[in-house]
Amino acid sequence: MASGGDKIKANQIGDQKEKKRKESILDLSKYLEKSIRVKFAGGREASGVLKGYDPLLNLVLDNTVEYLRDPDDPYKLIDDTRALGLVVCRGTSVVLICPVDGMESIQNPFISQD
């Protein structure tokens, strides 16, 4: 039988693991209600308005458009698109997330500022 101290210790370890699981890799809150572009494992790409997400990077996109690929060259995108509407994207297949509106300029951390 486990003593009371062992149960408390095991419970504390379980709580620490649970806290670690709830942390998100990315903070996507600043992109809510904004257009983002998502690349998936396997090469598919889509863009839409981010409506929600969770710590596993499952995404909910509205007004989603999929960018179609050239049938002869699967690595090349063509100008054709396909409207998908409201989509739930599984986080395990998400490779890249970027804003459609552009990028933000940040300071280079490797250059010393004099």
Protein backbone atom coordinates (compact mmCIF):
# COMPACT_ATOMS: atom_id res chain seq x y z
CA MET A 1 0.00 0.00 0.00
CA ALA A 2 1.12 3.50 -0.75
CA SER A 3 1.46 5.92 2.13
CA GLY A 4 -0.33 9.26 2.24
CA GLY A 5 2.91 11.08 1.40
CA ASP A 6 3.41 8.96 -1.72
CA LYS A 7 -0.12 9.74 -2.91
CA ILE A 8 0.42 13.47 -2.46
CA LYS A 9 3.75 13.31 -4.29
CA ALA A 10 2.22 11.35 -7.19
CA ASN A 11 -0.65 13.82 -7.34
CA GLN A 12 1.78 16.77 -7.51
CA ILE A 13 3.70 15.11 -10.35
CA GLY A 14 0.42 14.52 -12.19
CA ASP A 15 -0.52 18.20 -11.72
CA GLN A 16 2.85 19.30 -13.15
CA LYS A 17 2.39 17.11 -16.21
CA GLU A 18 -1.11 18.48 -16.72
CA LYS A 19 0.16 22.08 -16.55
CA LYS A 20 2.83 21.30 -19.14
CA ARG A 21 0.26 19.75 -21.48
CA LYS A 22 -1.98 22.81 -21.38
CA GLU A 23 0.77 25.16 -22.59
CA SER A 24 0.46 26.08 -26.24
CA ILE A 25 3.46 26.08 -28.55
CA LEU A 26 2.29 29.28 -30.25
CA ASP A 27 0.21 32.20 -29.05
CA LEU A 28 -2.31 32.58 -31.85
CA SER A 29 -4.62 34.91 -29.91
CA LYS A 30 -3.31 37.95 -31.80
CA TYR A 31 -4.43 36.31 -35.08
CA LEU A 32 -8.02 35.62 -34.01
CA GLU A 33 -10.52 37.10 -36.49
CA LYS A 34 -7.66 37.75 -38.95
CA SER A 35 -6.72 35.98 -42.17
CA ILE A 36 -3.97 33.37 -41.90
CA ARG A 37 -2.40 30.96 -44.37
CA VAL A 38 -1.73 27.38 -43.30
CA LYS A 39 0.51 24.77 -44.91
CA PHE A 40 -0.12 21.12 -44.14
CA ALA A 41 1.95 17.95 -44.19
CA GLY A 42 1.56 16.52 -47.67
CA GLY A 43 1.72 19.91 -49.37
CA ARG A 44 -1.81 21.30 -49.17
CA GLU A 45 -2.24 25.01 -48.47
CA ALA A 46 -5.27 26.97 -47.33
CA SER A 47 -6.12 30.41 -46.02
CA GLY A 48 -9.03 31.67 -43.99
CA VAL A 49 -10.12 33.70 -40.99
CA LEU A 50 -8.95 32.17 -37.71
CA LYS A 51 -11.99 31.63 -35.49
CA GLY A 52 -10.47 29.40 -32.84
CA TYR A 53 -7.61 27.11 -31.83
CA ASP A 54 -6.48 24.89 -28.98
CA PRO A 55 -3.11 23.96 -27.39
CA LEU A 56 -2.62 21.14 -29.91
CA LEU A 57 -2.88 23.69 -32.77
CA ASN A 58 -6.20 22.34 -34.01
CA LEU A 59 -7.55 25.32 -35.96
CA VAL A 60 -11.01 26.52 -36.91
CA LEU A 61 -10.94 28.59 -40.11
CA ASP A 62 -13.89 30.37 -41.73
CA ASN A 63 -14.19 31.50 -45.36
CA THR A 64 -11.44 29.01 -46.14
CA VAL A 65 -9.90 28.78 -49.60
CA GLU A 66 -7.67 25.89 -50.66
CA TYR A 67 -4.88 26.61 -53.13
CA LEU A 68 -4.76 23.88 -55.76
CA ARG A 69 -1.57 22.29 -57.09
CA ASP A 70 -0.43 21.55 -60.62
CA PRO A 71 -1.36 17.94 -61.52
CA ASP A 72 1.96 17.50 -63.34
CA ASP A 73 4.12 19.01 -60.57
CA PRO A 74 2.64 18.49 -57.07
CA TYR A 75 5.09 21.00 -55.56
CA LYS A 76 3.87 23.87 -57.74
CA LEU A 77 0.75 25.88 -56.90
CA ILE A 78 -1.53 27.08 -59.68
CA ASP A 79 -3.87 30.07 -59.74
CA ASP A 80 -6.98 27.93 -59.20
CA THR A 81 -8.58 27.85 -55.77
CA ARG A 82 -11.41 25.93 -54.16
CA ALA A 83 -13.77 27.48 -51.58
CA LEU A 84 -14.18 25.25 -48.51
CA GLY A 85 -16.08 27.48 -46.07
CA LEU A 86 -15.85 26.59 -42.36
CA VAL A 87 -13.02 24.10 -41.72
CA VAL A 88 -11.47 22.36 -38.72
CA CYS A 89 -7.75 21.70 -39.33
CA ARG A 90 -6.10 18.95 -37.33
CA GLY A 91 -3.06 20.27 -35.46
CA THR A 92 -0.86 17.24 -36.10
CA SER A 93 -0.91 17.97 -39.84
CA VAL A 94 -0.20 21.72 -39.56
CA VAL A 95 3.33 22.54 -40.70
CA LEU A 96 3.28 26.33 -41.02
CA ILE A 97 1.00 29.20 -39.98
CA CYS A 98 1.54 32.74 -41.25
CA PRO A 99 -0.53 35.91 -41.48
CA VAL A 100 -1.93 36.75 -44.93
CA ASP A 101 -1.51 40.49 -44.35
CA GLY A 102 2.27 40.26 -44.19
CA MET A 103 5.04 40.02 -41.69
CA GLU A 104 6.08 42.13 -38.75
CA SER A 105 9.57 43.52 -38.55
CA ILE A 106 11.53 42.54 -35.43
CA GLN A 107 15.01 43.40 -34.20
CA ASN A 108 17.76 40.98 -35.12
CA PRO A 109 18.79 39.35 -31.81
CA PHE A 110 22.23 38.41 -33.17
CA ILE A 111 23.39 41.96 -33.90
CA SER A 112 24.62 43.96 -30.92
CA GLN A 113 22.94 47.35 -30.59
CA ASP A 114 25.49 50.11 -29.89
